[in-house]
Protein backbone atom coordinates (compact mmCIF):
# COMPACT_ATOMS: atom_id res chain seq x y z
CA MET A 1 36.97 151.62 105.56
CA LYS A 2 34.01 149.92 105.80
CA PRO A 3 33.58 148.65 102.04
CA HIS A 4 30.00 149.79 100.75
CA LYS A 5 27.81 148.20 98.56
CA VAL A 6 25.98 148.80 95.78
CA ILE A 7 23.54 146.47 93.47
CA ILE A 8 23.56 147.55 89.92
CA PRO A 9 20.89 145.26 88.06
CA SER A 10 21.07 144.69 84.21
CA ILE A 11 18.74 145.66 82.41
CA LEU A 12 17.93 142.15 81.22
CA LEU A 13 16.87 141.79 84.93
CA CYS A 14 13.92 144.47 83.75
CA ILE A 15 12.48 141.85 81.20
CA LEU A 16 13.22 138.26 83.17
CA LEU A 17 15.40 136.69 85.17
CA TYR A 18 17.10 134.64 82.49
CA GLY A 19 16.05 134.02 78.30
CA CYS A 20 16.06 130.77 77.27
CA ARG A 21 15.69 129.49 73.47
CA GLY A 22 16.40 126.20 73.32
CA ASP A 23 19.57 125.00 74.46
CA ILE A 24 21.06 128.61 74.54
CA VAL A 25 20.93 130.16 78.43
CA VAL A 26 21.38 133.48 79.17
CA TYR A 27 22.04 134.70 82.49
CA PRO A 28 22.13 138.11 83.38
CA SER A 29 25.04 139.84 85.16
CA GLU A 30 25.24 141.26 88.53
CA ASN A 31 27.26 144.37 89.66
CA GLU A 32 28.39 145.32 93.22
CA GLN A 33 30.58 147.76 93.90
CA HIS A 34 32.96 146.55 96.81
CA GLY A 35 36.41 147.78 98.40
CA ASP A 36 38.46 151.11 97.16
CA SER A 37 38.75 152.19 93.51
CA LEU A 38 42.75 151.59 92.70
CA THR A 39 45.38 152.74 89.57
CA SER A 40 47.69 150.55 88.96
CA SER A 41 49.20 148.57 85.87
CA TYR A 42 46.71 145.81 86.61
CA ALA A 43 42.63 146.26 85.52
CA GLY A 44 41.13 143.73 87.60
CA PHE A 45 40.65 139.94 87.87
CA TYR A 46 38.91 137.12 86.70
CA LEU A 47 36.75 134.86 88.90
CA LEU A 48 36.44 131.20 87.54
CA ASN A 49 33.27 129.61 89.21
CA GLU A 50 33.81 125.76 89.03
CA GLY A 51 29.84 124.75 89.46
CA ASN A 52 28.21 121.71 90.37
CA MET A 53 29.06 118.46 88.59
CA GLY A 54 26.80 117.75 85.84
CA SER A 55 24.83 120.59 86.21
CA ASN A 56 26.98 122.66 83.56
CA LYS A 57 26.72 125.79 85.94
CA ALA A 58 30.54 127.12 85.77
CA THR A 59 30.65 130.99 85.81
CA LEU A 60 32.74 133.78 84.89
CA ASP A 61 33.15 136.72 87.20
CA TYR A 62 35.29 139.53 87.09
CA TYR A 63 36.73 142.36 89.42
CA ASP A 64 37.26 145.90 87.64
CA LEU A 65 39.95 147.42 90.06
CA SER A 66 39.38 151.13 88.41
CA THR A 67 35.87 151.18 89.72
CA ALA A 68 36.01 148.58 92.11
CA THR A 69 33.23 146.68 90.87
CA TYR A 70 32.32 143.23 90.79
CA THR A 71 30.30 141.77 88.12
CA ARG A 72 28.93 137.78 88.39
CA ASN A 73 28.17 135.89 85.25
CA LEU A 74 30.04 137.70 83.21
CA TYR A 75 30.22 135.12 80.28
CA SER A 76 26.77 134.45 79.54
CA GLU A 77 26.21 137.78 78.58
CA ARG A 78 28.67 138.53 76.77
CA ASN A 79 28.56 135.45 74.79
CA PRO A 80 24.17 135.26 74.79
CA SER A 81 24.79 132.86 71.33
CA VAL A 82 27.15 130.18 72.91
CA PRO A 83 24.82 126.80 73.35
CA LEU A 84 25.31 125.38 77.39
CA SER A 85 27.01 128.59 78.07
CA LEU A 86 30.32 128.26 79.90
CA GLY A 87 29.94 124.58 80.37
CA ASP A 88 30.41 121.96 83.23
CA VAL A 89 33.15 122.10 85.79
CA GLY A 90 35.61 124.93 85.55
CA ASN A 91 38.79 123.61 86.38
CA ASP A 92 41.66 126.28 85.41
CA LEU A 93 42.13 129.97 84.33
CA ARG A 94 44.95 131.57 82.62
CA ILE A 95 45.62 134.87 81.07
CA TYR A 96 48.30 134.51 78.51
CA GLY A 97 49.14 137.63 75.64
CA ASN A 98 45.51 138.95 74.90
CA ARG A 99 43.78 135.97 75.89
CA LEU A 100 41.53 134.09 77.91
CA TYR A 101 41.56 130.56 79.07
CA ALA A 102 38.98 128.36 80.60
CA VAL A 103 39.58 124.91 81.41
CA ILE A 104 36.16 123.19 81.57
CA ASN A 105 37.07 119.97 82.80
CA VAL A 106 33.67 117.57 82.43
CA SER A 107 32.69 119.43 79.05
CA ASN A 108 36.08 118.12 77.86
CA LYS A 109 37.44 121.72 76.49
CA ILE A 110 39.23 124.66 76.63
CA GLU A 111 37.73 127.62 76.14
CA VAL A 112 39.13 130.77 74.80
CA MET A 113 38.08 134.02 74.92
CA THR A 114 39.49 137.47 74.49
CA ALA A 115 41.28 139.13 77.70
CA ASP A 116 40.05 142.67 77.69
CA SER A 117 36.14 141.31 77.33
CA ALA A 118 36.11 137.82 77.08
CA ILE A 119 34.33 137.62 74.03
CA ARG A 120 34.30 133.87 73.00
CA ILE A 121 37.30 133.10 70.69
CA GLY A 122 37.24 129.52 69.98
CA GLN A 123 37.91 125.93 72.31
CA ILE A 124 40.00 123.51 71.79
CA ASP A 125 39.28 120.01 72.60
CA ILE A 126 40.72 117.66 75.53
CA PRO A 127 39.10 114.83 77.20
CA ASN A 128 38.73 115.35 81.02
CA CYS A 129 41.57 118.23 80.61
CA ARG A 130 42.98 119.89 84.11
CA TYR A 131 45.60 122.70 84.26
CA LEU A 132 47.42 124.72 82.13
CA ALA A 133 50.39 126.32 81.50
CA PHE A 134 52.69 128.40 78.39
CA HIS A 135 55.88 129.06 77.26
CA GLY A 136 56.53 130.70 73.86
CA GLN A 137 54.01 130.10 71.07
CA TYR A 138 52.41 127.15 72.75
CA GLY A 139 50.21 125.93 75.76
CA TYR A 140 50.44 123.12 77.87
CA ILE A 141 47.07 121.00 79.17
CA THR A 142 47.30 117.82 81.29
CA SER A 143 44.57 115.24 80.85
CA TYR A 144 43.50 112.74 81.88
CA ALA A 145 42.67 111.51 78.79
CA GLY A 146 39.70 109.01 79.89
CA PRO A 147 36.70 109.89 81.19
CA VAL A 148 35.69 110.86 84.62
CA GLN A 149 34.96 107.58 86.30
CA ILE A 150 36.81 106.29 89.39
CA GLY A 151 38.58 103.25 90.18
CA LYS A 152 41.23 101.30 88.60
CA GLN A 153 39.29 99.04 85.98
CA HIS A 154 38.60 102.83 83.91
CA ALA A 155 42.54 104.74 85.00
CA GLN A 156 43.88 105.36 81.81
CA ILE A 157 47.67 106.90 81.37
CA GLY A 158 47.29 110.35 81.40
CA TYR A 159 48.88 112.85 78.88
CA VAL A 160 50.12 116.34 78.32
CA ALA A 161 48.87 118.33 75.01
CA ARG A 162 50.95 120.72 73.58
CA PHE A 163 48.43 123.55 71.59
CA ASP A 164 49.56 126.47 69.68
CA THR A 165 48.49 129.59 70.62
CA ALA A 166 47.89 130.94 67.45
CA THR A 167 45.96 128.29 65.59
CA LEU A 168 44.43 126.45 68.73
CA LEU A 169 45.39 123.37 67.38
CA ILE A 170 47.00 120.64 69.03
CA THR A 171 50.34 119.75 67.64
CA ASP A 172 51.43 116.44 70.04
CA THR A 173 51.36 115.00 73.36
CA CYS A 174 53.29 113.71 75.84
CA LEU A 175 52.59 110.34 78.45
CA VAL A 176 53.40 110.98 81.80
CA GLY A 177 51.38 109.13 84.67
CA TYR A 178 48.00 108.42 85.54
CA GLN A 179 45.78 111.51 85.85
CA PRO A 180 48.21 114.22 85.77
CA ASP A 181 47.15 117.69 87.50
CA GLY A 182 49.41 120.34 88.09
CA LEU A 183 52.18 121.49 86.13
CA CYS A 184 54.53 124.54 85.92
CA ILE A 185 58.04 125.24 83.55
CA SER A 186 60.78 126.49 84.53
CA GLY A 187 63.98 126.70 82.78
CA ASP A 188 63.60 124.41 80.02
CA LYS A 189 61.82 122.21 81.60
CA LEU A 190 58.06 121.08 82.08
CA TYR A 191 57.09 119.61 85.27
CA VAL A 192 53.96 118.13 85.37
CA ALA A 193 52.41 116.22 89.33
CA ASN A 194 51.19 113.38 88.87
CA SER A 195 47.96 112.00 91.24
CA GLY A 196 46.62 108.59 90.26
CA GLY A 197 43.57 109.99 91.59
CA TYR A 198 41.83 107.27 90.38
CA MET A 199 44.18 104.70 91.30
CA SER A 200 43.07 104.51 95.17
CA PRO A 201 44.76 102.84 96.93
CA ASP A 202 47.97 102.81 94.61
CA TYR A 203 48.26 106.62 94.07
CA GLU A 204 50.68 107.89 91.91
CA SER A 205 53.80 109.85 93.81
CA THR A 206 56.19 111.31 90.93
CA LEU A 207 56.52 114.31 89.27
CA SER A 208 57.30 113.51 85.42
CA VAL A 209 59.83 115.84 83.63
CA ILE A 210 59.41 116.99 80.12
CA ASN A 211 62.26 118.33 78.21
CA LEU A 212 59.91 121.03 76.21
CA THR A 213 62.74 121.38 73.35
CA SER A 214 61.96 117.38 72.08
CA PHE A 215 58.56 117.59 73.99
CA LYS A 216 59.65 113.92 75.60
CA GLU A 217 59.42 112.67 79.10
CA GLU A 218 62.92 112.58 80.23
CA GLN A 219 62.66 111.25 84.08
CA ARG A 220 60.29 111.12 87.10
CA ILE A 221 60.99 112.37 90.28
CA GLU A 222 59.81 110.61 93.40
CA VAL A 223 58.32 112.76 95.45
CA ALA A 224 55.02 111.59 97.98
CA PRO A 225 51.10 110.12 97.14
CA ASN A 226 48.39 111.89 94.87
CA LEU A 227 50.17 115.01 93.95
CA HIS A 228 48.50 118.01 93.12
CA TYR A 229 49.89 121.40 92.13
CA VAL A 230 53.23 121.98 91.43
CA HIS A 231 54.54 125.50 91.06
CA ALA A 232 57.94 126.85 90.24
CA ASP A 233 59.79 130.08 92.73
CA GLN A 234 61.86 132.90 91.68
CA TYR A 235 64.97 130.94 92.74
CA GLY A 236 64.29 127.75 90.42
CA LYS A 237 62.92 125.45 93.24
CA LEU A 238 59.59 123.55 92.67
CA TRP A 239 57.04 123.60 95.26
CA VAL A 240 54.98 120.69 95.21
CA SER A 241 51.54 119.39 97.01
CA SER A 242 50.52 115.87 98.26
CA ARG A 243 46.89 114.79 99.05
CA GLY A 244 48.79 112.34 101.17
CA ASN A 245 46.67 108.53 100.80
CA TYR A 246 43.68 109.17 103.64
CA ALA A 247 45.51 107.10 105.60
CA ASP A 248 49.43 106.88 107.12
CA ARG A 249 50.52 109.19 104.74
CA PRO A 250 49.09 112.97 105.46
CA SER A 251 48.86 115.82 103.11
CA ARG A 252 51.93 117.90 103.00
CA LEU A 253 53.95 120.41 101.15
CA TYR A 254 57.58 119.85 99.12
CA CYS A 255 60.31 121.68 98.22
CA VAL A 256 62.03 120.02 95.23
CA ASP A 257 65.27 120.95 93.66
CA PRO A 258 64.76 120.31 90.02
CA ASP A 259 69.12 120.10 89.82
CA LEU A 260 69.42 117.85 92.33
CA GLN A 261 66.48 115.75 91.04
CA GLN A 262 65.09 115.46 94.31
CA VAL A 263 63.26 116.45 97.19
CA VAL A 264 65.12 118.43 99.39
CA ASP A 265 62.34 119.79 102.14
CA SER A 266 59.39 119.39 102.92
CA VAL A 267 56.52 121.53 105.52
CA ASP A 268 55.01 119.69 107.98
CA ALA A 269 50.96 120.98 107.26
CA PRO A 270 48.23 120.38 105.19
CA VAL A 271 48.00 122.24 101.72
CA SER A 272 45.11 122.20 99.84
CA ASN A 273 45.94 124.98 97.66
CA LEU A 274 48.86 127.39 97.33
CA CYS A 275 50.09 130.44 95.71
CA ILE A 276 53.41 132.42 95.20
CA SER A 277 53.39 135.81 95.47
CA GLY A 278 57.60 137.08 95.84
CA ASP A 279 59.68 135.23 98.76
CA SER A 280 55.99 133.67 100.54
CA LEU A 281 53.69 131.23 99.88
CA TYR A 282 50.24 131.18 101.16
CA PHE A 283 48.43 127.72 101.38
CA PHE A 284 45.26 126.63 103.05
CA GLY A 285 44.49 122.97 104.23
CA GLU A 286 42.75 120.94 106.44
CA GLN A 287 43.80 118.21 108.94
CA PHE A 288 41.78 116.15 111.51
CA ASN A 289 43.15 116.47 114.74
CA TRP A 290 42.66 113.25 116.88
CA GLU A 291 42.64 114.70 119.98
CA THR A 292 39.97 117.01 119.75
CA LEU A 293 38.46 115.05 116.83
CA GLN A 294 37.80 118.49 115.17
CA GLU A 295 38.93 119.30 111.70
CA GLU A 296 41.73 122.14 111.82
CA THR A 297 41.83 124.26 109.14
CA PHE A 298 45.48 126.14 108.34
CA TYR A 299 46.01 129.26 106.48
CA GLY A 300 49.82 129.06 106.28
CA ILE A 301 52.37 131.44 105.17
CA VAL A 302 55.99 129.91 103.96
CA ASP A 303 59.21 131.39 103.73
CA ILE A 304 60.50 130.26 100.35
CA THR A 305 64.14 131.89 101.30
CA THR A 306 64.35 129.43 104.56
CA ARG A 307 61.30 126.91 103.93
CA GLN A 308 59.69 127.95 107.54
CA LEU A 309 56.43 128.46 108.28
CA LEU A 310 55.81 131.81 109.54
CA THR A 311 52.49 131.12 110.41
CA GLY A 312 49.60 128.60 110.77
CA ASN A 313 47.04 130.88 110.14
CA PHE A 314 47.17 134.12 108.48
CA ILE A 315 43.70 135.34 109.20
CA THR A 316 44.13 138.09 111.93
CA ASP A 317 39.81 138.68 112.34
CA ASP A 318 37.01 137.11 112.85
CA THR A 319 36.73 135.75 109.27
CA ARG A 320 35.47 132.25 108.78
CA LEU A 321 35.29 130.07 105.89
CA GLN A 322 32.79 127.50 105.97
CA LYS A 323 35.19 125.17 102.88
CA PRO A 324 37.53 127.49 101.91
CA TYR A 325 38.93 126.60 98.26
CA GLY A 326 40.40 129.12 96.00
CA ILE A 327 43.44 131.53 96.88
CA ALA A 328 45.43 134.12 95.02
CA VAL A 329 47.48 137.12 96.19
CA ASN A 330 46.50 140.38 94.34
CA PRO A 331 50.29 141.71 92.75
CA ALA A 332 48.40 145.26 92.59
CA THR A 333 47.81 145.57 96.17
CA SER A 334 49.44 142.36 98.09
CA ASP A 335 45.94 141.34 99.03
CA ILE A 336 44.78 138.00 99.59
CA LEU A 337 41.88 136.34 97.91
CA LEU A 338 40.16 133.39 99.49
CA THR A 339 37.02 132.02 98.27
CA ASP A 340 34.91 130.10 100.30
CA ALA A 341 32.75 126.88 98.41
CA LYS A 342 30.50 126.77 101.17
CA ASP A 343 28.39 123.79 100.81
CA TYR A 344 28.87 122.87 97.36
CA VAL A 345 25.96 123.47 96.05
CA THR A 346 25.11 127.20 96.25
CA PRO A 347 26.77 130.22 95.73
CA GLY A 348 30.06 131.14 97.67
CA THR A 349 32.03 134.13 98.60
CA LEU A 350 35.03 135.74 97.68
CA TYR A 351 36.71 137.08 100.60
CA CYS A 352 39.70 140.39 99.86
CA LEU A 353 42.23 140.24 103.06
CA GLY A 354 44.80 142.93 103.42
CA ILE A 355 47.80 142.37 104.21
CA ASP A 356 47.35 142.54 108.02
CA GLY A 357 45.08 139.51 107.87
CA LYS A 358 42.11 141.86 107.95
CA GLN A 359 38.79 141.15 105.81
CA LYS A 360 38.70 144.52 103.60
CA TRP A 361 35.40 143.18 101.99
CA GLN A 362 33.40 140.26 100.72
CA VAL A 363 31.17 139.20 97.89
CA ARG A 364 28.96 136.57 96.78
CA THR A 365 30.03 134.54 93.50
CA GLY A 366 29.13 131.55 91.27
CA ASP A 367 28.92 128.07 92.96
CA ILE A 368 31.84 126.84 94.08
CA PRO A 369 34.40 129.98 93.31
CA ALA A 370 37.88 128.72 92.46
CA HIS A 371 40.63 130.35 89.89
CA VAL A 372 42.07 133.16 89.88
CA ALA A 373 43.47 135.19 86.63
CA PHE A 374 44.99 138.72 87.14
CA LEU A 375 44.47 141.02 83.85
CA LYS A 376 47.56 143.63 82.61
CA LYS A 377 46.56 146.87 81.34
CA GLN A 378 47.33 146.60 77.57
């Protein structure tokens, strides 16, 4: 079915494009209908748009599955009294319990909201914060520790901060490698991907292993240079993406066995972002082909049970993205969500693909759409 599109302007648009009171900026929300309504155990999903660095343009969108309605700029409308709205550069988005957590990197904070309505509860101050994970009563956040300044002379040892989800107070920190990025929890351990992204060409190449009980780093597992994401599958294996060193070590996906404390396999494909759904790992990545002198984009699926690449392009129609940026699989429908950052300075696009790889619908987003969090019904 071809999706229909109905634009429902906010009442605020009838008054003015936006209201500005000092440093308080209220952007009106906009609603559009795309796709078909659905009844499931999920209410919908949030999309965090990173926004251009230095422009304070991180925004939050929401898609309601029951009405097939996509709403842009939700945060600003729900929280009109918050100065500077959501902040500068949204870097991660998670739902845990009844709260929604948005990591706002350059604003040095985690914005905490109600999960069902995105109304602000408070914030956790963390310098150059990156990615989130949760376990029990605690949340865990990676931090580059220092400001956003590339170069060895500016780099500081990074850390993971632990905070109490009830009080939003930081209870402890654990030093890891330089510029830690993605993290995940498997068993009683926390695994942290150290990138060393500010240290070019001497990147970090290890996973830090933190004991959740003692909250101490126990060891490091050697993987590859410039690590980015780490995800645990349902069988206890870890899937780690490496950006490579942009020279003789290309971007690649690695499988780590935490019991053996080593890499046990790898997939020869570039990986910029990934997600796991069941036994399938979905990813995309770009690689320069020196024979054709063209940039090649892979949209791949890996079977995590066999560790084999099933396809290098799961898009089966003429859908083309200018700059793929975010990826997620809707647990209610198994649809693949892909975001396109385009030129990084103008609104992006969210694409919804069916399991057959064909586009169901697309919608305009904020600048640099990136991170998706699915909301379960209470």
